[in-house]
Amino acid sequence: RPTEKLLSDTLGGMSLIRFNQIWDNSSKTELSIYEVRCLETWLNK
């Protein structure tokens, strides 16, 4: 469960709902290149 700070600062303003959709691979909306880069930056760190 990401903090609001992680969502807003590191994950580019991603909502908790969107994070959960990504976590579950359940979104009807494809991942954007920006989201991929934000997630990779966070996980690399």
All heavy atoms as atom14 arrays in JSON, in Angstrom:
{
  "sequence": "RPTEKLLSDTLGGMSLIRFNQIWDNSSKTELSIYEVRCLETWLNK",
  "atom14_mask": [
    [1, 1, 1, 1, 1, 1, 1, 1, 1, 1, 1, 0, 0, 0],
    [1, 1, 1, 1, 1, 1, 1, 0, 0, 0, 0, 0, 0, 0],
    [1, 1, 1, 1, 1, 1, 1, 0, 0, 0, 0, 0, 0, 0],
    [1, 1, 1, 1, 1, 1, 1, 1, 1, 0, 0, 0, 0, 0],
    [1, 1, 1, 1, 1, 1, 1, 1, 1, 0, 0, 0, 0, 0],
    [1, 1, 1, 1, 1, 1, 1, 1, 0, 0, 0, 0, 0, 0],
    [1, 1, 1, 1, 1, 1, 1, 1, 0, 0, 0, 0, 0, 0],
    [1, 1, 1, 1, 1, 1, 0, 0, 0, 0, 0, 0, 0, 0],
    [1, 1, 1, 1, 1, 1, 1, 1, 0, 0, 0, 0, 0, 0],
    [1, 1, 1, 1, 1, 1, 1, 0, 0, 0, 0, 0, 0, 0],
    [1, 1, 1, 1, 1, 1, 1, 1, 0, 0, 0, 0, 0, 0],
    [1, 1, 1, 1, 0, 0, 0, 0, 0, 0, 0, 0, 0, 0],
    [1, 1, 1, 1, 0, 0, 0, 0, 0, 0, 0, 0, 0, 0],
    [1, 1, 1, 1, 1, 1, 1, 1, 0, 0, 0, 0, 0, 0],
    [1, 1, 1, 1, 1, 1, 0, 0, 0, 0, 0, 0, 0, 0],
    [1, 1, 1, 1, 1, 1, 1, 1, 0, 0, 0, 0, 0, 0],
    [1, 1, 1, 1, 1, 1, 1, 1, 0, 0, 0, 0, 0, 0],
    [1, 1, 1, 1, 1, 1, 1, 1, 1, 1, 1, 0, 0, 0],
    [1, 1, 1, 1, 1, 1, 1, 1, 1, 1, 1, 0, 0, 0],
    [1, 1, 1, 1, 1, 1, 1, 1, 0, 0, 0, 0, 0, 0],
    [1, 1, 1, 1, 1, 1, 1, 1, 1, 0, 0, 0, 0, 0],
    [1, 1, 1, 1, 1, 1, 1, 1, 0, 0, 0, 0, 0, 0],
    [1, 1, 1, 1, 1, 1, 1, 1, 1, 1, 1, 1, 1, 1],
    [1, 1, 1, 1, 1, 1, 1, 1, 0, 0, 0, 0, 0, 0],
    [1, 1, 1, 1, 1, 1, 1, 1, 0, 0, 0, 0, 0, 0],
    [1, 1, 1, 1, 1, 1, 0, 0, 0, 0, 0, 0, 0, 0],
    [1, 1, 1, 1, 1, 1, 0, 0, 0, 0, 0, 0, 0, 0],
    [1, 1, 1, 1, 1, 1, 1, 1, 1, 0, 0, 0, 0, 0],
    [1, 1, 1, 1, 1, 1, 1, 0, 0, 0, 0, 0, 0, 0],
    [1, 1, 1, 1, 1, 1, 1, 1, 1, 0, 0, 0, 0, 0],
    [1, 1, 1, 1, 1, 1, 1, 1, 0, 0, 0, 0, 0, 0],
    [1, 1, 1, 1, 1, 1, 0, 0, 0, 0, 0, 0, 0, 0],
    [1, 1, 1, 1, 1, 1, 1, 1, 0, 0, 0, 0, 0, 0],
    [1, 1, 1, 1, 1, 1, 1, 1, 1, 1, 1, 1, 0, 0],
    [1, 1, 1, 1, 1, 1, 1, 1, 1, 0, 0, 0, 0, 0],
    [1, 1, 1, 1, 1, 1, 1, 0, 0, 0, 0, 0, 0, 0],
    [1, 1, 1, 1, 1, 1, 1, 1, 1, 1, 1, 0, 0, 0],
    [1, 1, 1, 1, 1, 1, 0, 0, 0, 0, 0, 0, 0, 0],
    [1, 1, 1, 1, 1, 1, 1, 1, 0, 0, 0, 0, 0, 0],
    [1, 1, 1, 1, 1, 1, 1, 1, 1, 0, 0, 0, 0, 0],
    [1, 1, 1, 1, 1, 1, 1, 0, 0, 0, 0, 0, 0, 0],
    [1, 1, 1, 1, 1, 1, 1, 1, 1, 1, 1, 1, 1, 1],
    [1, 1, 1, 1, 1, 1, 1, 1, 0, 0, 0, 0, 0, 0],
    [1, 1, 1, 1, 1, 1, 1, 1, 0, 0, 0, 0, 0, 0],
    [1, 1, 1, 1, 1, 1, 1, 1, 1, 0, 0, 0, 0, 0]
  ],
  "atom14_positions": [
    [[0.88, -1.17, 0.0], [0.0, 0.0, 0.0], [0.91, 1.22, 0.0], [1.47, 1.59, 1.03], [-0.91, 0.02, 1.2], [-1.82, 1.24, 1.18], [-2.86, 1.22, 2.27], [-3.53, 2.48, 2.37], [-4.59, 2.83, 1.64], [-5.07, 2.0, 0.75], [-5.16, 4.0, 1.8], [0.0, 0.0, 0.0], [0.0, 0.0, 0.0], [0.0, 0.0, 0.0]],
    [[1.08, 1.84, -1.17], [1.97, 2.99, -1.27], [1.44, 4.21, -0.52], [0.23, 4.41, -0.42], [2.04, 3.26, -2.77], [0.79, 2.69, -3.32], [0.44, 1.53, -2.43], [0.0, 0.0, 0.0], [0.0, 0.0, 0.0], [0.0, 0.0, 0.0], [0.0, 0.0, 0.0], [0.0, 0.0, 0.0], [0.0, 0.0, 0.0], [0.0, 0.0, 0.0]],
    [[2.35, 5.0, 0.01], [1.97, 6.24, 0.69], [1.59, 7.29, -0.34], [1.94, 7.19, -1.51], [3.14, 6.79, 1.53], [4.22, 7.12, 0.64], [3.62, 5.79, 2.58], [0.0, 0.0, 0.0], [0.0, 0.0, 0.0], [0.0, 0.0, 0.0], [0.0, 0.0, 0.0], [0.0, 0.0, 0.0], [0.0, 0.0, 0.0], [0.0, 0.0, 0.0]],
    [[0.88, 8.3, 0.11], [0.53, 9.41, -0.77], [1.79, 10.08, -1.31], [1.82, 10.51, -2.46], [-0.34, 10.43, -0.04], [-1.77, 9.98, 0.15], [-2.5, 9.72, -1.16], [-2.33, 10.5, -2.13], [-3.22, 8.71, -1.24], [0.0, 0.0, 0.0], [0.0, 0.0, 0.0], [0.0, 0.0, 0.0], [0.0, 0.0, 0.0], [0.0, 0.0, 0.0]],
    [[2.84, 10.18, -0.49], [4.1, 10.8, -0.91], [4.72, 9.99, -2.05], [5.18, 10.56, -3.03], [5.06, 10.91, 0.26], [6.38, 11.57, -0.1], [7.17, 11.93, 1.13], [8.52, 12.52, 0.84], [8.55, 13.62, -0.09], [0.0, 0.0, 0.0], [0.0, 0.0, 0.0], [0.0, 0.0, 0.0], [0.0, 0.0, 0.0], [0.0, 0.0, 0.0]],
    [[4.75, 8.68, -1.93], [5.29, 7.84, -3.0], [4.47, 8.02, -4.28], [5.03, 8.2, -5.35], [5.3, 6.36, -2.59], [5.77, 5.39, -3.67], [7.28, 5.54, -3.89], [5.41, 3.97, -3.33], [0.0, 0.0, 0.0], [0.0, 0.0, 0.0], [0.0, 0.0, 0.0], [0.0, 0.0, 0.0], [0.0, 0.0, 0.0], [0.0, 0.0, 0.0]],
    [[3.16, 7.98, -4.14], [2.3, 8.13, -5.31], [2.49, 9.48, -5.99], [2.62, 9.56, -7.21], [0.83, 7.95, -4.92], [0.4, 6.54, -4.52], [-0.99, 6.58, -3.88], [0.43, 5.6, -5.69], [0.0, 0.0, 0.0], [0.0, 0.0, 0.0], [0.0, 0.0, 0.0], [0.0, 0.0, 0.0], [0.0, 0.0, 0.0], [0.0, 0.0, 0.0]],
    [[2.54, 10.54, -5.19], [2.62, 11.88, -5.78], [4.03, 12.24, -6.24], [4.2, 12.79, -7.33], [2.1, 12.93, -4.8], [2.92, 12.99, -3.66], [0.0, 0.0, 0.0], [0.0, 0.0, 0.0], [0.0, 0.0, 0.0], [0.0, 0.0, 0.0], [0.0, 0.0, 0.0], [0.0, 0.0, 0.0], [0.0, 0.0, 0.0], [0.0, 0.0, 0.0]],
    [[5.04, 11.93, -5.45], [6.4, 12.36, -5.77], [7.14, 11.39, -6.69], [7.67, 11.8, -7.71], [7.23, 12.54, -4.49], [6.7, 13.65, -3.6], [5.79, 14.39, -4.03], [7.18, 13.77, -2.46], [0.0, 0.0, 0.0], [0.0, 0.0, 0.0], [0.0, 0.0, 0.0], [0.0, 0.0, 0.0], [0.0, 0.0, 0.0], [0.0, 0.0, 0.0]],
    [[7.16, 10.13, -6.34], [7.96, 9.15, -7.09], [7.21, 8.55, -8.26], [7.8, 8.3, -9.31], [8.42, 8.03, -6.14], [9.08, 8.63, -5.02], [9.37, 7.08, -6.82], [0.0, 0.0, 0.0], [0.0, 0.0, 0.0], [0.0, 0.0, 0.0], [0.0, 0.0, 0.0], [0.0, 0.0, 0.0], [0.0, 0.0, 0.0], [0.0, 0.0, 0.0]],
    [[5.93, 8.33, -8.1], [5.15, 7.68, -9.15], [4.36, 8.68, -9.99], [3.38, 8.31, -10.66], [4.24, 6.59, -8.56], [4.99, 5.45, -7.86], [4.01, 4.44, -7.28], [5.97, 4.78, -8.79], [0.0, 0.0, 0.0], [0.0, 0.0, 0.0], [0.0, 0.0, 0.0], [0.0, 0.0, 0.0], [0.0, 0.0, 0.0], [0.0, 0.0, 0.0]],
    [[4.78, 9.92, -9.98], [4.24, 10.92, -10.89], [2.79, 11.3, -10.71], [2.12, 11.65, -11.67], [0.0, 0.0, 0.0], [0.0, 0.0, 0.0], [0.0, 0.0, 0.0], [0.0, 0.0, 0.0], [0.0, 0.0, 0.0], [0.0, 0.0, 0.0], [0.0, 0.0, 0.0], [0.0, 0.0, 0.0], [0.0, 0.0, 0.0], [0.0, 0.0, 0.0]],
    [[2.29, 11.23, -9.49], [0.9, 11.61, -9.24], [-0.1, 10.49, -9.48], [-1.3, 10.74, -9.61], [0.0, 0.0, 0.0], [0.0, 0.0, 0.0], [0.0, 0.0, 0.0], [0.0, 0.0, 0.0], [0.0, 0.0, 0.0], [0.0, 0.0, 0.0], [0.0, 0.0, 0.0], [0.0, 0.0, 0.0], [0.0, 0.0, 0.0], [0.0, 0.0, 0.0]],
    [[0.39, 9.27, -9.52], [-0.48, 8.11, -9.74], [-1.49, 7.99, -8.6], [-1.15, 8.22, -7.44], [0.4, 6.85, -9.8], [-0.33, 5.59, -10.16], [0.78, 4.15, -10.19], [1.84, 4.53, -11.57], [0.0, 0.0, 0.0], [0.0, 0.0, 0.0], [0.0, 0.0, 0.0], [0.0, 0.0, 0.0], [0.0, 0.0, 0.0], [0.0, 0.0, 0.0]],
    [[-2.71, 7.62, -8.91], [-3.71, 7.4, -7.87], [-3.53, 6.0, -7.27], [-2.94, 5.11, -7.9], [-5.13, 7.53, -8.44], [-5.42, 6.43, -9.29], [0.0, 0.0, 0.0], [0.0, 0.0, 0.0], [0.0, 0.0, 0.0], [0.0, 0.0, 0.0], [0.0, 0.0, 0.0], [0.0, 0.0, 0.0], [0.0, 0.0, 0.0], [0.0, 0.0, 0.0]],
    [[-4.06, 5.81, -6.07], [-4.01, 4.5, -5.43], [-4.79, 3.48, -6.26], [-4.36, 2.33, -6.4], [-4.55, 4.56, -4.01], [-4.52, 3.27, -3.21], [-3.11, 2.71, -3.1], [-5.12, 3.47, -1.82], [0.0, 0.0, 0.0], [0.0, 0.0, 0.0], [0.0, 0.0, 0.0], [0.0, 0.0, 0.0], [0.0, 0.0, 0.0], [0.0, 0.0, 0.0]],
    [[-5.9, 3.9, -6.83], [-6.69, 3.0, -7.68], [-5.85, 2.53, -8.86], [-5.81, 1.34, -9.18], [-7.99, 3.68, -8.15], [-8.94, 3.86, -6.97], [-8.66, 2.87, -9.26], [-10.15, 4.72, -7.25], [0.0, 0.0, 0.0], [0.0, 0.0, 0.0], [0.0, 0.0, 0.0], [0.0, 0.0, 0.0], [0.0, 0.0, 0.0], [0.0, 0.0, 0.0]],
    [[-5.16, 3.46, -9.51], [-4.32, 3.1, -10.66], [-3.2, 2.17, -10.23], [-2.89, 1.19, -10.92], [-3.76, 4.37, -11.32], [-2.87, 4.09, -12.52], [-3.64, 3.48, -13.65], [-2.79, 3.33, -14.84], [-2.94, 2.41, -15.75], [-3.94, 1.53, -15.67], [-2.14, 2.35, -16.78], [0.0, 0.0, 0.0], [0.0, 0.0, 0.0], [0.0, 0.0, 0.0]],
    [[-2.56, 2.45, -9.1], [-1.49, 1.58, -8.6], [-2.03, 0.16, -8.4], [-1.39, -0.81, -8.8], [-0.9, 2.1, -7.29], [0.21, 1.23, -6.77], [1.51, 1.41, -7.19], [-0.07, 0.21, -5.86], [2.54, 0.59, -6.73], [0.95, -0.62, -5.39], [2.25, -0.42, -5.83], [0.0, 0.0, 0.0], [0.0, 0.0, 0.0], [0.0, 0.0, 0.0]],
    [[-3.2, 0.05, -7.8], [-3.8, -1.27, -7.56], [-4.13, -1.99, -8.87], [-3.96, -3.21, -8.98], [-5.03, -1.16, -6.67], [-4.66, -0.85, -5.24], [-3.58, -1.18, -4.76], [-5.55, -0.17, -4.54], [0.0, 0.0, 0.0], [0.0, 0.0, 0.0], [0.0, 0.0, 0.0], [0.0, 0.0, 0.0], [0.0, 0.0, 0.0], [0.0, 0.0, 0.0]],
    [[-4.57, -1.24, -9.87], [-4.84, -1.84, -11.19], [-3.54, -2.37, -11.79], [-3.52, -3.46, -12.36], [-5.45, -0.81, -12.13], [-6.85, -0.43, -11.79], [-7.36, 0.74, -12.64], [-6.58, 1.48, -13.22], [-8.67, 0.88, -12.69], [0.0, 0.0, 0.0], [0.0, 0.0, 0.0], [0.0, 0.0, 0.0], [0.0, 0.0, 0.0], [0.0, 0.0, 0.0]],
    [[-2.49, -1.59, -11.67], [-1.18, -2.03, -12.19], [-0.71, -3.25, -11.41], [-0.25, -4.23, -11.99], [-0.17, -0.87, -12.13], [-0.57, 0.22, -13.13], [1.25, -1.37, -12.39], [0.2, 1.51, -13.0], [0.0, 0.0, 0.0], [0.0, 0.0, 0.0], [0.0, 0.0, 0.0], [0.0, 0.0, 0.0], [0.0, 0.0, 0.0], [0.0, 0.0, 0.0]],
    [[-0.83, -3.2, -10.1], [-0.41, -4.31, -9.23], [-1.1, -5.61, -9.65], [-0.48, -6.66, -9.73], [-0.75, -3.97, -7.78], [-0.53, -5.05, -6.77], [-1.44, -5.96, -6.33], [0.69, -5.35, -6.09], [-0.88, -6.79, -5.39], [0.43, -6.44, -5.23], [1.96, -4.81, -6.1], [1.4, -7.0, -4.41], [2.92, -5.35, -5.27], [2.65, -6.44, -4.45]],
    [[-2.4, -5.52, -9.94], [-3.19, -6.71, -10.29], [-3.2, -7.02, -11.79], [-3.84, -7.99, -12.2], [-4.63, -6.53, -9.82], [-4.76, -6.55, -8.31], [-3.96, -7.25, -7.65], [-5.65, -5.87, -7.79], [0.0, 0.0, 0.0], [0.0, 0.0, 0.0], [0.0, 0.0, 0.0], [0.0, 0.0, 0.0], [0.0, 0.0, 0.0], [0.0, 0.0, 0.0]],
    [[-2.56, -6.18, -12.6], [-2.63, -6.33, -14.07], [-4.09, -6.39, -14.51], [-4.46, -7.18, -15.38], [-1.88, -7.58, -14.54], [-0.42, -7.33, -14.73], [-0.03, -6.43, -15.46], [0.4, -8.11, -14.05], [0.0, 0.0, 0.0], [0.0, 0.0, 0.0], [0.0, 0.0, 0.0], [0.0, 0.0, 0.0], [0.0, 0.0, 0.0], [0.0, 0.0, 0.0]],
    [[-4.93, -5.54, -13.92], [-6.36, -5.62, -14.18], [-6.92, -4.41, -14.93], [-8.11, -4.36, -15.19], [-7.12, -5.78, -12.86], [-6.94, -4.64, -12.05], [0.0, 0.0, 0.0], [0.0, 0.0, 0.0], [0.0, 0.0, 0.0], [0.0, 0.0, 0.0], [0.0, 0.0, 0.0], [0.0, 0.0, 0.0], [0.0, 0.0, 0.0], [0.0, 0.0, 0.0]],
    [[-6.09, -3.46, -15.26], [-6.57, -2.25, -15.9], [-6.93, -2.48, -17.36], [-6.26, -3.23, -18.07], [-5.51, -1.15, -15.81], [-5.95, 0.0, -16.48], [0.0, 0.0, 0.0], [0.0, 0.0, 0.0], [0.0, 0.0, 0.0], [0.0, 0.0, 0.0], [0.0, 0.0, 0.0], [0.0, 0.0, 0.0], [0.0, 0.0, 0.0], [0.0, 0.0, 0.0]],
    [[-7.97, -1.8, -17.8], [-8.33, -1.82, -19.22], [-7.46, -0.82, -19.98], [-7.36, -0.89, -21.19], [-9.8, -1.48, -19.39], [-10.72, -2.53, -18.82], [-12.17, -2.16, -18.96], [-13.03, -3.23, -18.3], [-14.43, -2.88, -18.27], [0.0, 0.0, 0.0], [0.0, 0.0, 0.0], [0.0, 0.0, 0.0], [0.0, 0.0, 0.0], [0.0, 0.0, 0.0]],
    [[-6.84, 0.11, -19.25], [-5.97, 1.11, -19.85], [-4.53, 0.61, -19.8], [-4.04, 0.21, -18.74], [-6.06, 2.44, -19.06], [-7.42, 2.84, -19.0], [-5.23, 3.52, -19.71], [0.0, 0.0, 0.0], [0.0, 0.0, 0.0], [0.0, 0.0, 0.0], [0.0, 0.0, 0.0], [0.0, 0.0, 0.0], [0.0, 0.0, 0.0], [0.0, 0.0, 0.0]],
    [[-3.87, 0.62, -20.94], [-2.48, 0.16, -21.01], [-1.57, 1.06, -20.18], [-1.86, 2.24, -19.97], [-1.99, 0.19, -22.47], [-2.74, -0.75, -23.38], [-2.39, -2.21, -23.17], [-1.45, -2.52, -22.42], [-3.06, -3.05, -23.78], [0.0, 0.0, 0.0], [0.0, 0.0, 0.0], [0.0, 0.0, 0.0], [0.0, 0.0, 0.0], [0.0, 0.0, 0.0]],
    [[-0.46, 0.52, -19.73], [0.56, 1.31, -19.05], [1.14, 2.32, -20.02], [1.45, 1.98, -21.17], [1.7, 0.41, -18.57], [1.5, -0.35, -17.29], [2.58, -1.41, -17.16], [1.55, 0.57, -16.11], [0.0, 0.0, 0.0], [0.0, 0.0, 0.0], [0.0, 0.0, 0.0], [0.0, 0.0, 0.0], [0.0, 0.0, 0.0], [0.0, 0.0, 0.0]],
    [[1.31, 3.54, -19.56], [1.96, 4.54, -20.39], [3.48, 4.4, -20.23], [3.96, 3.81, -19.25], [1.52, 5.94, -19.99], [2.05, 6.29, -18.72], [0.0, 0.0, 0.0], [0.0, 0.0, 0.0], [0.0, 0.0, 0.0], [0.0, 0.0, 0.0], [0.0, 0.0, 0.0], [0.0, 0.0, 0.0], [0.0, 0.0, 0.0], [0.0, 0.0, 0.0]],
    [[4.21, 4.95, -21.17], [5.67, 4.94, -21.07], [6.09, 5.68, -19.81], [7.01, 5.26, -19.1], [6.31, 5.55, -22.33], [6.05, 4.62, -23.52], [7.8, 5.79, -22.14], [6.44, 5.21, -24.86], [0.0, 0.0, 0.0], [0.0, 0.0, 0.0], [0.0, 0.0, 0.0], [0.0, 0.0, 0.0], [0.0, 0.0, 0.0], [0.0, 0.0, 0.0]],
    [[5.39, 6.77, -19.49], [5.7, 7.55, -18.28], [5.51, 6.69, -17.02], [6.34, 6.7, -16.12], [4.81, 8.8, -18.23], [5.04, 9.65, -17.02], [6.22, 10.37, -16.87], [4.08, 9.73, -16.02], [6.43, 11.16, -15.74], [4.29, 10.51, -14.9], [5.46, 11.22, -14.76], [5.67, 12.0, -13.64], [0.0, 0.0, 0.0], [0.0, 0.0, 0.0]],
    [[4.41, 5.94, -16.97], [4.17, 5.08, -15.8], [5.26, 4.01, -15.68], [5.74, 3.73, -14.58], [2.8, 4.41, -15.9], [1.65, 5.35, -15.68], [0.3, 4.73, -15.96], [0.18, 3.89, -16.89], [-0.66, 5.09, -15.25], [0.0, 0.0, 0.0], [0.0, 0.0, 0.0], [0.0, 0.0, 0.0], [0.0, 0.0, 0.0], [0.0, 0.0, 0.0]],
    [[5.65, 3.42, -16.8], [6.71, 2.42, -16.78], [7.99, 3.02, -16.23], [8.66, 2.44, -15.38], [6.95, 1.82, -18.19], [8.19, 0.95, -18.22], [5.73, 1.02, -18.64], [0.0, 0.0, 0.0], [0.0, 0.0, 0.0], [0.0, 0.0, 0.0], [0.0, 0.0, 0.0], [0.0, 0.0, 0.0], [0.0, 0.0, 0.0], [0.0, 0.0, 0.0]],
    [[8.34, 4.2, -16.72], [9.57, 4.86, -16.26], [9.51, 5.19, -14.77], [10.49, 5.01, -14.06], [9.84, 6.11, -17.09], [10.31, 5.76, -18.48], [10.68, 6.97, -19.28], [11.1, 6.56, -20.62], [10.94, 7.29, -21.69], [10.38, 8.48, -21.62], [11.34, 6.86, -22.87], [0.0, 0.0, 0.0], [0.0, 0.0, 0.0], [0.0, 0.0, 0.0]],
    [[8.37, 5.69, -14.31], [8.22, 6.0, -12.88], [8.35, 4.74, -12.02], [9.05, 4.74, -11.01], [6.87, 6.68, -12.61], [6.74, 8.37, -13.19], [0.0, 0.0, 0.0], [0.0, 0.0, 0.0], [0.0, 0.0, 0.0], [0.0, 0.0, 0.0], [0.0, 0.0, 0.0], [0.0, 0.0, 0.0], [0.0, 0.0, 0.0], [0.0, 0.0, 0.0]],
    [[7.68, 3.68, -12.44], [7.75, 2.42, -11.69], [9.17, 1.85, -11.7], [9.66, 1.38, -10.65], [6.77, 1.4, -12.28], [5.29, 1.69, -12.02], [4.41, 0.89, -12.96], [4.94, 1.42, -10.57], [0.0, 0.0, 0.0], [0.0, 0.0, 0.0], [0.0, 0.0, 0.0], [0.0, 0.0, 0.0], [0.0, 0.0, 0.0], [0.0, 0.0, 0.0]],
    [[9.84, 1.89, -12.85], [11.21, 1.37, -12.92], [12.16, 2.2, -12.07], [13.02, 1.66, -11.38], [11.69, 1.3, -14.37], [11.06, 0.13, -15.11], [11.52, -0.02, -16.54], [12.09, 0.94, -17.12], [11.29, -1.11, -17.11], [0.0, 0.0, 0.0], [0.0, 0.0, 0.0], [0.0, 0.0, 0.0], [0.0, 0.0, 0.0], [0.0, 0.0, 0.0]],
    [[12.0, 3.52, -12.07], [12.85, 4.39, -11.24], [12.67, 4.04, -9.77], [13.64, 3.9, -9.02], [12.51, 5.87, -11.49], [12.76, 6.17, -12.86], [13.33, 6.78, -10.61], [0.0, 0.0, 0.0], [0.0, 0.0, 0.0], [0.0, 0.0, 0.0], [0.0, 0.0, 0.0], [0.0, 0.0, 0.0], [0.0, 0.0, 0.0], [0.0, 0.0, 0.0]],
    [[11.44, 3.86, -9.34], [11.14, 3.52, -7.95], [11.72, 2.16, -7.58], [12.41, 2.0, -6.57], [9.63, 3.54, -7.73], [9.18, 2.95, -6.43], [9.61, 3.29, -5.18], [8.21, 1.91, -6.25], [8.96, 2.53, -4.23], [8.1, 1.68, -4.86], [7.43, 1.17, -7.12], [7.22, 0.73, -4.34], [6.57, 0.24, -6.58], [6.47, 0.02, -5.21]],
    [[11.46, 1.15, -8.41], [11.92, -0.2, -8.11], [13.45, -0.32, -8.21], [14.06, -1.04, -7.42], [11.23, -1.21, -9.01], [9.73, -1.37, -8.74], [9.07, -2.2, -9.82], [9.47, -1.96, -7.37], [0.0, 0.0, 0.0], [0.0, 0.0, 0.0], [0.0, 0.0, 0.0], [0.0, 0.0, 0.0], [0.0, 0.0, 0.0], [0.0, 0.0, 0.0]],
    [[14.06, 0.38, -9.15], [15.52, 0.38, -9.24], [16.14, 0.93, -7.96], [17.11, 0.38, -7.44], [16.0, 1.22, -10.44], [15.67, 0.58, -11.77], [15.35, -0.6, -11.87], [15.73, 1.39, -12.81], [0.0, 0.0, 0.0], [0.0, 0.0, 0.0], [0.0, 0.0, 0.0], [0.0, 0.0, 0.0], [0.0, 0.0, 0.0], [0.0, 0.0, 0.0]],
    [[15.55, 2.0, -7.45], [16.04, 2.6, -6.2], [15.79, 1.65, -5.02], [16.66, 1.46, -4.18], [15.34, 3.94, -5.97], [15.84, 4.69, -4.78], [15.14, 6.04, -4.67], [15.6, 6.78, -3.43], [14.92, 8.07, -3.28], [0.0, 0.0, 0.0], [0.0, 0.0, 0.0], [0.0, 0.0, 0.0], [0.0, 0.0, 0.0], [0.0, 0.0, 0.0]]
  ]
}
